[in-house]
PDB file of N, CA and C in Angstrom:
ATOM      1  N   MET A   1     179.012 171.438 114.082  1.00  0.00           N
ATOM      2  CA  MET A   1     180.003 171.199 115.099  1.00  0.00           C
ATOM      3  C   MET A   1     181.018 172.352 115.133  1.00  0.00           C
ATOM      4  N   LEU A   2     181.451 172.802 113.962  1.00  0.00           N
ATOM      5  CA  LEU A   2     182.409 173.913 113.921  1.00  0.00           C
ATOM      6  C   LEU A   2     181.829 175.179 114.534  1.00  0.00           C
ATOM      7  N   LEU A   3     180.559 175.419 114.310  1.00  0.00           N
ATOM      8  CA  LEU A   3     179.926 176.615 114.874  1.00  0.00           C
ATOM      9  C   LEU A   3     179.881 176.533 116.399  1.00  0.00           C
ATOM     10  N   ARG A   4     179.565 175.364 116.922  1.00  0.00           N
ATOM     11  CA  ARG A   4     179.529 175.192 118.380  1.00  0.00           C
ATOM     12  C   ARG A   4     180.911 175.368 118.988  1.00  0.00           C
ATOM     13  N   VAL A   5     181.921 174.827 118.323  1.00  0.00           N
ATOM     14  CA  VAL A   5     183.295 174.960 118.810  1.00  0.00           C
ATOM     15  C   VAL A   5     183.689 176.433 118.893  1.00  0.00           C
ATOM     16  N   ASP A   6     183.184 177.229 117.954  1.00  0.00           N
ATOM     17  CA  ASP A   6     183.475 178.662 117.944  1.00  0.00           C
ATOM     18  C   ASP A   6     182.592 179.447 118.917  1.00  0.00           C
ATOM     19  N   GLY A   7     181.744 178.743 119.679  1.00  0.00           N
ATOM     20  CA  GLY A   7     180.950 179.392 120.711  1.00  0.00           C
ATOM     21  C   GLY A   7     179.560 179.837 120.292  1.00  0.00           C
ATOM     22  N   HIS A   8     179.117 179.413 119.118  1.00  0.00           N
ATOM     23  CA  HIS A   8     177.787 179.799 118.654  1.00  0.00           C
ATOM     24  C   HIS A   8     176.732 178.842 119.209  1.00  0.00           C
ATOM     25  N   GLU A   9     175.570 179.383 119.519  1.00  0.00           N
ATOM     26  CA  GLU A   9     174.430 178.551 119.888  1.00  0.00           C
ATOM     27  C   GLU A   9     173.804 178.059 118.589  1.00  0.00           C
ATOM     28  N   VAL A  10     173.541 176.759 118.501  1.00  0.00           N
ATOM     29  CA  VAL A  10     173.102 176.158 117.245  1.00  0.00           C
ATOM     30  C   VAL A  10     171.818 175.359 117.457  1.00  0.00           C
ATOM     31  N   ALA A  11     170.889 175.514 116.535  1.00  0.00           N
ATOM     32  CA  ALA A  11     169.702 174.667 116.459  1.00  0.00           C
ATOM     33  C   ALA A  11     169.735 174.029 115.076  1.00  0.00           C
ATOM     34  N   ILE A  12     169.404 172.740 115.009  1.00  0.00           N
ATOM     35  CA  ILE A  12     169.475 172.010 113.740  1.00  0.00           C
ATOM     36  C   ILE A  12     168.094 171.503 113.357  1.00  0.00           C
ATOM     37  N   ALA A  13     167.780 171.637 112.075  1.00  0.00           N
ATOM     38  CA  ALA A  13     166.531 171.095 111.515  1.00  0.00           C
ATOM     39  C   ALA A  13     166.904 170.370 110.230  1.00  0.00           C
ATOM     40  N   HIS A  14     166.234 169.266 109.957  1.00  0.00           N
ATOM     41  CA  HIS A  14     166.595 168.449 108.800  1.00  0.00           C
ATOM     42  C   HIS A  14     165.652 168.598 107.614  1.00  0.00           C
ATOM     43  N   ASP A  15     164.631 169.432 107.746  1.00  0.00           N
ATOM     44  CA  ASP A  15     163.750 169.708 106.609  1.00  0.00           C
ATOM     45  C   ASP A  15     163.138 171.085 106.793  1.00  0.00           C
ATOM     46  N   GLY A  16     162.470 171.555 105.759  1.00  0.00           N
ATOM     47  CA  GLY A  16     161.915 172.907 105.781  1.00  0.00           C
ATOM     48  C   GLY A  16     160.893 173.141 106.872  1.00  0.00           C
ATOM     49  N   SER A  17     160.017 172.167 107.103  1.00  0.00           N
ATOM     50  CA  SER A  17     158.992 172.326 108.146  1.00  0.00           C
ATOM     51  C   SER A  17     159.632 172.414 109.523  1.00  0.00           C
ATOM     52  N   ALA A  18     160.628 171.568 109.766  1.00  0.00           N
ATOM     53  CA  ALA A  18     161.325 171.595 111.054  1.00  0.00           C
ATOM     54  C   ALA A  18     162.112 172.900 111.220  1.00  0.00           C
ATOM     55  N   ALA A  19     162.652 173.413 110.127  1.00  0.00           N
ATOM     56  CA  ALA A  19     163.375 174.687 110.191  1.00  0.00           C
ATOM     57  C   ALA A  19     162.442 175.820 110.599  1.00  0.00           C
ATOM     58  N   LEU A  20     161.260 175.845 110.015  1.00  0.00           N
ATOM     59  CA  LEU A  20     160.291 176.889 110.364  1.00  0.00           C
ATOM     60  C   LEU A  20     159.813 176.743 111.803  1.00  0.00           C
ATOM     61  N   ALA A  21     159.616 175.508 112.255  1.00  0.00           N
ATOM     62  CA  ALA A  21     159.201 175.278 113.644  1.00  0.00           C
ATOM     63  C   ALA A  21     160.294 175.715 114.605  1.00  0.00           C
ATOM     64  N   ALA A  22     161.550 175.397 114.292  1.00  0.00           N
ATOM     65  CA  ALA A  22     162.667 175.800 115.146  1.00  0.00           C
ATOM     66  C   ALA A  22     162.789 177.316 115.182  1.00  0.00           C
ATOM     67  N   PHE A  23     162.581 177.962 114.050  1.00  0.00           N
ATOM     68  CA  PHE A  23     162.676 179.416 113.967  1.00  0.00           C
ATOM     69  C   PHE A  23     161.631 180.082 114.855  1.00  0.00           C
ATOM     70  N   GLY A  24     160.471 179.456 114.962  1.00  0.00           N
ATOM     71  CA  GLY A  24     159.405 180.021 115.787  1.00  0.00           C
ATOM     72  C   GLY A  24     159.770 180.124 117.259  1.00  0.00           C
ATOM     73  N   GLY A  25     160.646 179.255 117.739  1.00  0.00           N
ATOM     74  CA  GLY A  25     161.023 179.269 119.146  1.00  0.00           C
ATOM     75  C   GLY A  25     162.452 179.697 119.388  1.00  0.00           C
ATOM     76  N   PHE A  26     163.071 180.305 118.401  1.00  0.00           N
ATOM     77  CA  PHE A  26     164.492 180.652 118.475  1.00  0.00           C
ATOM     78  C   PHE A  26     164.649 182.039 117.869  1.00  0.00           C
ATOM     79  N   ALA A  27     165.473 182.860 118.433  1.00  0.00           N
ATOM     80  CA  ALA A  27     165.687 184.203 117.887  1.00  0.00           C
ATOM     81  C   ALA A  27     167.129 184.310 117.368  1.00  0.00           C
ATOM     82  N   PRO A  28     167.386 183.721 116.210  1.00  0.00           N
ATOM     83  CA  PRO A  28     168.763 183.690 115.707  1.00  0.00           C
ATOM     84  C   PRO A  28     169.209 185.013 115.087  1.00  0.00           C
ATOM     85  N   ASP A  29     170.510 185.212 115.114  1.00  0.00           N
ATOM     86  CA  ASP A  29     171.115 186.325 114.396  1.00  0.00           C
ATOM     87  C   ASP A  29     171.430 185.921 112.963  1.00  0.00           C
ATOM     88  N   VAL A  30     171.741 184.619 112.790  1.00  0.00           N
ATOM     89  CA  VAL A  30     172.134 184.073 111.493  1.00  0.00           C
ATOM     90  C   VAL A  30     171.418 182.744 111.290  1.00  0.00           C
ATOM     91  N   ILE A  31     170.975 182.501 110.060  1.00  0.00           N
ATOM     92  CA  ILE A  31     170.374 181.224 109.704  1.00  0.00           C
ATOM     93  C   ILE A  31     171.085 180.698 108.464  1.00  0.00           C
ATOM     94  N   LEU A  32     171.585 179.470 108.558  1.00  0.00           N
ATOM     95  CA  LEU A  32     172.182 178.779 107.422  1.00  0.00           C
ATOM     96  C   LEU A  32     171.137 177.803 106.894  1.00  0.00           C
ATOM     97  N   LEU A  33     170.778 177.941 105.630  1.00  0.00           N
ATOM     98  CA  LEU A  33     169.745 177.088 105.046  1.00  0.00           C
ATOM     99  C   LEU A  33     170.251 176.395 103.798  1.00  0.00           C
ATOM    100  N   ASP A  34     170.015 175.090 103.740  1.00  0.00           N
ATOM    101  CA  ASP A  34     170.267 174.341 102.514  1.00  0.00           C
ATOM    102  C   ASP A  34     169.091 174.631 101.578  1.00  0.00           C
ATOM    103  N   ILE A  35     169.375 174.943 100.344  1.00  0.00           N
ATOM    104  CA  ILE A  35     168.309 175.236  99.387  1.00  0.00           C
ATOM    105  C   ILE A  35     167.488 173.984  99.078  1.00  0.00           C
ATOM    106  N   GLY A  36     168.160 172.843  98.925  1.00  0.00           N
ATOM    107  CA  GLY A  36     167.490 171.639  98.469  1.00  0.00           C
ATOM    108  C   GLY A  36     166.943 170.739  99.563  1.00  0.00           C
ATOM    109  N   MET A  37     166.627 171.287 100.718  1.00  0.00           N
ATOM    110  CA  MET A  37     166.101 170.422 101.780  1.00  0.00           C
ATOM    111  C   MET A  37     164.667 170.006 101.476  1.00  0.00           C
ATOM    112  N   PRO A  38     164.248 168.857 102.042  1.00  0.00           N
ATOM    113  CA  PRO A  38     162.884 168.381 101.791  1.00  0.00           C
ATOM    114  C   PRO A  38     161.826 169.241 102.476  1.00  0.00           C
ATOM    115  N   GLY A  39     160.600 169.071 102.014  1.00  0.00           N
ATOM    116  CA  GLY A  39     159.498 169.888 102.541  1.00  0.00           C
ATOM    117  C   GLY A  39     159.580 171.237 101.886  1.00  0.00           C
ATOM    118  N   PRO A  40     159.181 172.277 102.574  1.00  0.00           N
ATOM    119  CA  PRO A  40     159.444 173.583 101.974  1.00  0.00           C
ATOM    120  C   PRO A  40     160.954 173.693 101.742  1.00  0.00           C
ATOM    121  N   ASN A  41     161.359 174.053 100.528  1.00  0.00           N
ATOM    122  CA  ASN A  41     162.795 174.159 100.259  1.00  0.00           C
ATOM    123  C   ASN A  41     163.361 175.437 100.869  1.00  0.00           C
ATOM    124  N   GLY A  42     164.646 175.627 100.729  1.00  0.00           N
ATOM    125  CA  GLY A  42     165.308 176.784 101.329  1.00  0.00           C
ATOM    126  C   GLY A  42     164.778 178.117 100.843  1.00  0.00           C
ATOM    127  N   TYR A  43     164.420 178.193  99.557  1.00  0.00           N
ATOM    128  CA  TYR A  43     163.849 179.434  99.035  1.00  0.00           C
ATOM    129  C   TYR A  43     162.546 179.767  99.756  1.00  0.00           C
ATOM    130  N   GLU A  44     161.684 178.756  99.892  1.00  0.00           N
ATOM    131  CA  GLU A  44     160.387 178.965 100.541  1.00  0.00           C
ATOM    132  C   GLU A  44     160.549 179.304 102.020  1.00  0.00           C
ATOM    133  N   VAL A  45     161.477 178.627 102.676  1.00  0.00           N
ATOM    134  CA  VAL A  45     161.716 178.898 104.101  1.00  0.00           C
ATOM    135  C   VAL A  45     162.240 180.323 104.273  1.00  0.00           C
ATOM    136  N   ALA A  46     163.163 180.731 103.421  1.00  0.00           N
ATOM    137  CA  ALA A  46     163.705 182.092 103.507  1.00  0.00           C
ATOM    138  C   ALA A  46     162.596 183.125 103.338  1.00  0.00           C
ATOM    139  N   GLN A  47     161.720 182.923 102.362  1.00  0.00           N
ATOM    140  CA  GLN A  47     160.621 183.855 102.145  1.00  0.00           C
ATOM    141  C   GLN A  47     159.699 183.918 103.356  1.00  0.00           C
ATOM    142  N   LYS A  48     159.386 182.770 103.937  1.00  0.00           N
ATOM    143  CA  LYS A  48     158.504 182.741 105.107  1.00  0.00           C
ATOM    144  C   LYS A  48     159.154 183.421 106.304  1.00  0.00           C
ATOM    145  N   ILE A  49     160.448 183.225 106.469  1.00  0.00           N
ATOM    146  CA  ILE A  49     161.156 183.882 107.568  1.00  0.00           C
ATOM    147  C   ILE A  49     161.114 185.396 107.382  1.00  0.00           C
ATOM    148  N   ARG A  50     161.406 185.862 106.182  1.00  0.00           N
ATOM    149  CA  ARG A  50     161.399 187.306 105.906  1.00  0.00           C
ATOM    150  C   ARG A  50     160.004 187.903 106.116  1.00  0.00           C
ATOM    151  N   HIS A  51     158.961 187.175 105.717  1.00  0.00           N
ATOM    152  CA  HIS A  51     157.599 187.679 105.872  1.00  0.00           C
ATOM    153  C   HIS A  51     157.114 187.617 107.318  1.00  0.00           C
ATOM    154  N   SER A  52     157.629 186.669 108.090  1.00  0.00           N
ATOM    155  CA  SER A  52     157.147 186.517 109.470  1.00  0.00           C
ATOM    156  C   SER A  52     157.744 187.555 110.417  1.00  0.00           C
ATOM    157  N   ARG A  53     158.920 188.061 110.081  1.00  0.00           N
ATOM    158  CA  ARG A  53     159.560 189.081 110.921  1.00  0.00           C
ATOM    159  C   ARG A  53     160.123 190.190 110.041  1.00  0.00           C
ATOM    160  N   PRO A  54     159.247 190.982 109.446  1.00  0.00           N
ATOM    161  CA  PRO A  54     159.727 192.063 108.576  1.00  0.00           C
ATOM    162  C   PRO A  54     160.614 193.032 109.346  1.00  0.00           C
ATOM    163  N   GLY A  55     161.707 193.398 108.737  1.00  0.00           N
ATOM    164  CA  GLY A  55     162.617 194.345 109.356  1.00  0.00           C
ATOM    165  C   GLY A  55     163.581 193.730 110.349  1.00  0.00           C
ATOM    166  N   ALA A  56     163.421 192.456 110.660  1.00  0.00           N
ATOM    167  CA  ALA A  56     164.333 191.798 111.603  1.00  0.00           C
ATOM    168  C   ALA A  56     165.726 191.717 110.982  1.00  0.00           C
ATOM    169  N   GLN A  57     166.714 191.896 111.792  1.00  0.00           N
ATOM    170  CA  GLN A  57     168.107 191.871 111.339  1.00  0.00           C
ATOM    171  C   GLN A  57     168.668 190.451 111.411  1.00  0.00           C
ATOM    172  N   ILE A  58     168.065 189.550 110.670  1.00  0.00           N
ATOM    173  CA  ILE A  58     168.508 188.162 110.621  1.00  0.00           C
ATOM    174  C   ILE A  58     169.294 187.970 109.331  1.00  0.00           C
ATOM    175  N   LYS A  59     170.512 187.476 109.455  1.00  0.00           N
ATOM    176  CA  LYS A  59     171.341 187.214 108.285  1.00  0.00           C
ATOM    177  C   LYS A  59     171.015 185.808 107.773  1.00  0.00           C
ATOM    178  N   LEU A  60     170.526 185.713 106.542  1.00  0.00           N
ATOM    179  CA  LEU A  60     170.207 184.434 105.918  1.00  0.00           C
ATOM    180  C   LEU A  60     171.312 184.064 104.936  1.00  0.00           C
ATOM    181  N   ILE A  61     171.883 182.873 105.141  1.00  0.00           N
ATOM    182  CA  ILE A  61     172.963 182.399 104.283  1.00  0.00           C
ATOM    183  C   ILE A  61     172.533 181.087 103.631  1.00  0.00           C
ATOM    184  N   ALA A  62     172.494 181.065 102.303  1.00  0.00           N
ATOM    185  CA  ALA A  62     172.192 179.847 101.565  1.00  0.00           C
ATOM    186  C   ALA A  62     173.449 178.998 101.506  1.00  0.00           C
ATOM    187  N   ILE A  63     173.299 177.721 101.837  1.00  0.00           N
ATOM    188  CA  ILE A  63     174.375 176.742 101.725  1.00  0.00           C
ATOM    189  C   ILE A  63     173.856 175.696 100.746  1.00  0.00           C
ATOM    190  N   THR A  64     174.468 175.588  99.581  1.00  0.00           N
ATOM    191  CA  THR A  64     173.867 174.762  98.538  1.00  0.00           C
ATOM    192  C   THR A  64     174.889 174.210  97.555  1.00  0.00           C
ATOM    193  N   GLY A  65     174.502 173.171  96.884  1.00  0.00           N
ATOM    194  CA  GLY A  65     175.304 172.642  95.796  1.00  0.00           C
ATOM    195  C   GLY A  65     174.979 173.323  94.478  1.00  0.00           C
ATOM    196  N   TRP A  66     173.962 174.161  94.490  1.00  0.00           N
ATOM    197  CA  TRP A  66     173.531 174.858  93.278  1.00  0.00           C
ATOM    198  C   TRP A  66     174.250 176.199  93.199  1.00  0.00           C
ATOM    199  N   GLY A  67     175.206 176.307  92.274  1.00  0.00           N
ATOM    200  CA  GLY A  67     176.056 177.492  92.250  1.00  0.00           C
ATOM    201  C   GLY A  67     176.035 178.302  90.981  1.00  0.00           C
ATOM    202  N   GLN A  68     175.073 178.028  90.097  1.00  0.00           N
ATOM    203  CA  GLN A  68     174.973 178.828  88.881  1.00  0.00           C
ATOM    204  C   GLN A  68     174.527 180.248  89.226  1.00  0.00           C
ATOM    205  N   GLU A  69     174.804 181.178  88.341  1.00  0.00           N
ATOM    206  CA  GLU A  69     174.412 182.571  88.566  1.00  0.00           C
ATOM    207  C   GLU A  69     172.905 182.688  88.779  1.00  0.00           C
ATOM    208  N   SER A  70     172.121 181.903  88.027  1.00  0.00           N
ATOM    209  CA  SER A  70     170.665 181.948  88.184  1.00  0.00           C
ATOM    210  C   SER A  70     170.244 181.435  89.571  1.00  0.00           C
ATOM    211  N   ASP A  71     170.987 180.473  90.130  1.00  0.00           N
ATOM    212  CA  ASP A  71     170.695 179.980  91.478  1.00  0.00           C
ATOM    213  C   ASP A  71     170.951 181.078  92.511  1.00  0.00           C
ATOM    214  N   LYS A  72     172.022 181.809  92.320  1.00  0.00           N
ATOM    215  CA  LYS A  72     172.346 182.912  93.239  1.00  0.00           C
ATOM    216  C   LYS A  72     171.289 184.001  93.158  1.00  0.00           C
ATOM    217  N   GLU A  73     170.881 184.344  91.948  1.00  0.00           N
ATOM    218  CA  GLU A  73     169.853 185.374  91.772  1.00  0.00           C
ATOM    219  C   GLU A  73     168.546 184.952  92.439  1.00  0.00           C
ATOM    220  N   ARG A  74     168.194 183.688  92.278  1.00  0.00           N
ATOM    221  CA  ARG A  74     166.959 183.193  92.892  1.00  0.00           C
ATOM    222  C   ARG A  74     167.071 183.241  94.417  1.00  0.00           C
ATOM    223  N   ALA A  75     168.246 182.912  94.957  1.00  0.00           N
ATOM    224  CA  ALA A  75     168.447 182.959  96.411  1.00  0.00           C
ATOM    225  C   ALA A  75     168.285 184.389  96.924  1.00  0.00           C
ATOM    226  N   PHE A  76     168.897 185.343  96.255  1.00  0.00           N
ATOM    227  CA  PHE A  76     168.784 186.737  96.704  1.00  0.00           C
ATOM    228  C   PHE A  76     167.341 187.230  96.584  1.00  0.00           C
ATOM    229  N   ALA A  77     166.648 186.819  95.529  1.00  0.00           N
ATOM    230  CA  ALA A  77     165.244 187.205  95.360  1.00  0.00           C
ATOM    231  C   ALA A  77     164.364 186.611  96.463  1.00  0.00           C
ATOM    232  N   ALA A  78     164.752 185.455  96.986  1.00  0.00           N
ATOM    233  CA  ALA A  78     163.982 184.810  98.056  1.00  0.00           C
ATOM    234  C   ALA A  78     164.250 185.431  99.425  1.00  0.00           C
ATOM    235  N   GLY A  79     165.274 186.265  99.520  1.00  0.00           N
ATOM    236  CA  GLY A  79     165.554 186.933 100.787  1.00  0.00           C
ATOM    237  C   GLY A  79     166.877 186.588 101.434  1.00  0.00           C
ATOM    238  N   PHE A  80     167.686 185.766 100.768  1.00  0.00           N
ATOM    239  CA  PHE A  80     168.998 185.448 101.325  1.00  0.00           C
ATOM    240  C   PHE A  80     169.927 186.656 101.209  1.00  0.00           C
ATOM    241  N   ASP A  81     170.820 186.778 102.180  1.00  0.00           N
ATOM    242  CA  ASP A  81     171.828 187.838 102.156  1.00  0.00           C
ATOM    243  C   ASP A  81     173.114 187.374 101.481  1.00  0.00           C
ATOM    244  N   HIS A  82     173.379 186.069 101.594  1.00  0.00           N
ATOM    245  CA  HIS A  82     174.611 185.494 101.048  1.00  0.00           C
ATOM    246  C   HIS A  82     174.308 184.125 100.470  1.00  0.00           C
ATOM    247  N   HIS A  83     175.160 183.699  99.541  1.00  0.00           N
ATOM    248  CA  HIS A  83     174.995 182.407  98.862  1.00  0.00           C
ATOM    249  C   HIS A  83     176.360 181.723  98.849  1.00  0.00           C
ATOM    250  N   LEU A  84     176.459 180.566  99.515  1.00  0.00           N
ATOM    251  CA  LEU A  84     177.698 179.802  99.533  1.00  0.00           C
ATOM    252  C   LEU A  84     177.454 178.452  98.878  1.00  0.00           C
ATOM    253  N   THR A  85     178.384 178.071  98.001  1.00  0.00           N
ATOM    254  CA  THR A  85     178.269 176.796  97.317  1.00  0.00           C
ATOM    255  C   THR A  85     179.114 175.751  98.048  1.00  0.00           C
ATOM    256  N   LYS A  86     178.528 174.561  98.218  1.00  0.00           N
ATOM    257  CA  LYS A  86     179.219 173.455  98.885  1.00  0.00           C
ATOM    258  C   LYS A  86     180.362 172.954  98.005  1.00  0.00           C
ATOM    259  N   PRO A  87     181.438 172.489  98.598  1.00  0.00           N
ATOM    260  CA  PRO A  87     181.732 172.514 100.030  1.00  0.00           C
ATOM    261  C   PRO A  87     182.106 173.927 100.466  1.00  0.00           C
ATOM    262  N   VAL A  88     181.601 174.301 101.609  1.00  0.00           N
ATOM    263  CA  VAL A  88     181.809 175.659 102.113  1.00  0.00           C
ATOM    264  C   VAL A  88     183.173 175.756 102.791  1.00  0.00           C
ATOM    265  N   ASP A  89     183.888 176.807 102.450  1.00  0.00           N
ATOM    266  CA  ASP A  89     185.169 177.093 103.100  1.00  0.00           C
ATOM    267  C   ASP A  89     184.867 177.665 104.483  1.00  0.00           C
ATOM    268  N   PRO A  90     185.300 177.012 105.560  1.00  0.00           N
ATOM    269  CA  PRO A  90     185.005 177.505 106.914  1.00  0.00           C
ATOM    270  C   PRO A  90     185.476 178.942 107.152  1.00  0.00           C
ATOM    271  N   ARG A  91     186.569 179.336 106.514  1.00  0.00           N
ATOM    272  CA  ARG A  91     187.059 180.715 106.687  1.00  0.00           C
ATOM    273  C   ARG A  91     186.085 181.714 106.055  1.00  0.00           C
ATOM    274  N   GLN A  92     185.509 181.343 104.922  1.00  0.00           N
ATOM    275  CA  GLN A  92     184.541 182.212 104.265  1.00  0.00           C
ATOM    276  C   GLN A  92     183.278 182.326 105.115  1.00  0.00           C
ATOM    277  N   LEU A  93     182.825 181.201 105.684  1.00  0.00           N
ATOM    278  CA  LEU A  93     181.646 181.232 106.551  1.00  0.00           C
ATOM    279  C   LEU A  93     181.919 182.074 107.791  1.00  0.00           C
ATOM    280  N   ASN A  94     183.072 181.884 108.420  1.00  0.00           N
ATOM    281  CA  ASN A  94     183.413 182.675 109.608  1.00  0.00           C
ATOM    282  C   ASN A  94     183.461 184.164 109.291  1.00  0.00           C
ATOM    283  N   ALA A  95     183.967 184.522 108.118  1.00  0.00           N
ATOM    284  CA  ALA A  95     184.013 185.930 107.724  1.00  0.00           C
ATOM    285  C   ALA A  95     182.600 186.500 107.626  1.00  0.00           C
ATOM    286  N   LEU A  96     181.655 185.726 107.087  1.00  0.00           N
ATOM    287  CA  LEU A  96     180.279 186.194 106.991  1.00  0.00           C
ATOM    288  C   LEU A  96     179.622 186.302 108.364  1.00  0.00           C
ATOM    289  N   LEU A  97     179.956 185.399 109.253  1.00  0.00           N
ATOM    290  CA  LEU A  97     179.381 185.428 110.598  1.00  0.00           C
ATOM    291  C   LEU A  97     179.868 186.645 111.391  1.00  0.00           C
ATOM    292  N   GLU A  98     181.047 187.132 111.058  1.00  0.00           N
ATOM    293  CA  GLU A  98     181.617 188.278 111.776  1.00  0.00           C
ATOM    294  C   GLU A  98     181.116 189.606 111.241  1.00  0.00           C
ATOM    295  N   LEU A  99     180.465 189.629 110.079  1.00  0.00           N
ATOM    296  CA  LEU A  99     179.964 190.889 109.495  1.00  0.00           C
ATOM    297  C   LEU A  99     178.865 191.493 110.352  1.00  0.00           C
TER     298      LEU A  99
END
């Protein structure tokens, strides 16, 4: 809702399979992914997105409750550009969206 209020076009998926299906018909600049979603998890979805459009300038942001250093390392290894731990500060998210 906050993203829409700020004028962003938003597509929502509630699991990994739906996220990949939505990605197939959408050309986003930024993707926010929960790591622990059902089906293919966020790590797997991020890897598939990176492999499906190599070189694409899509910013992948992990949104997760998993905030240990090892979780961050795993997110970056999967292809995420940023890692935010819940609850996400809207100002921090907006700053990343403006980069």
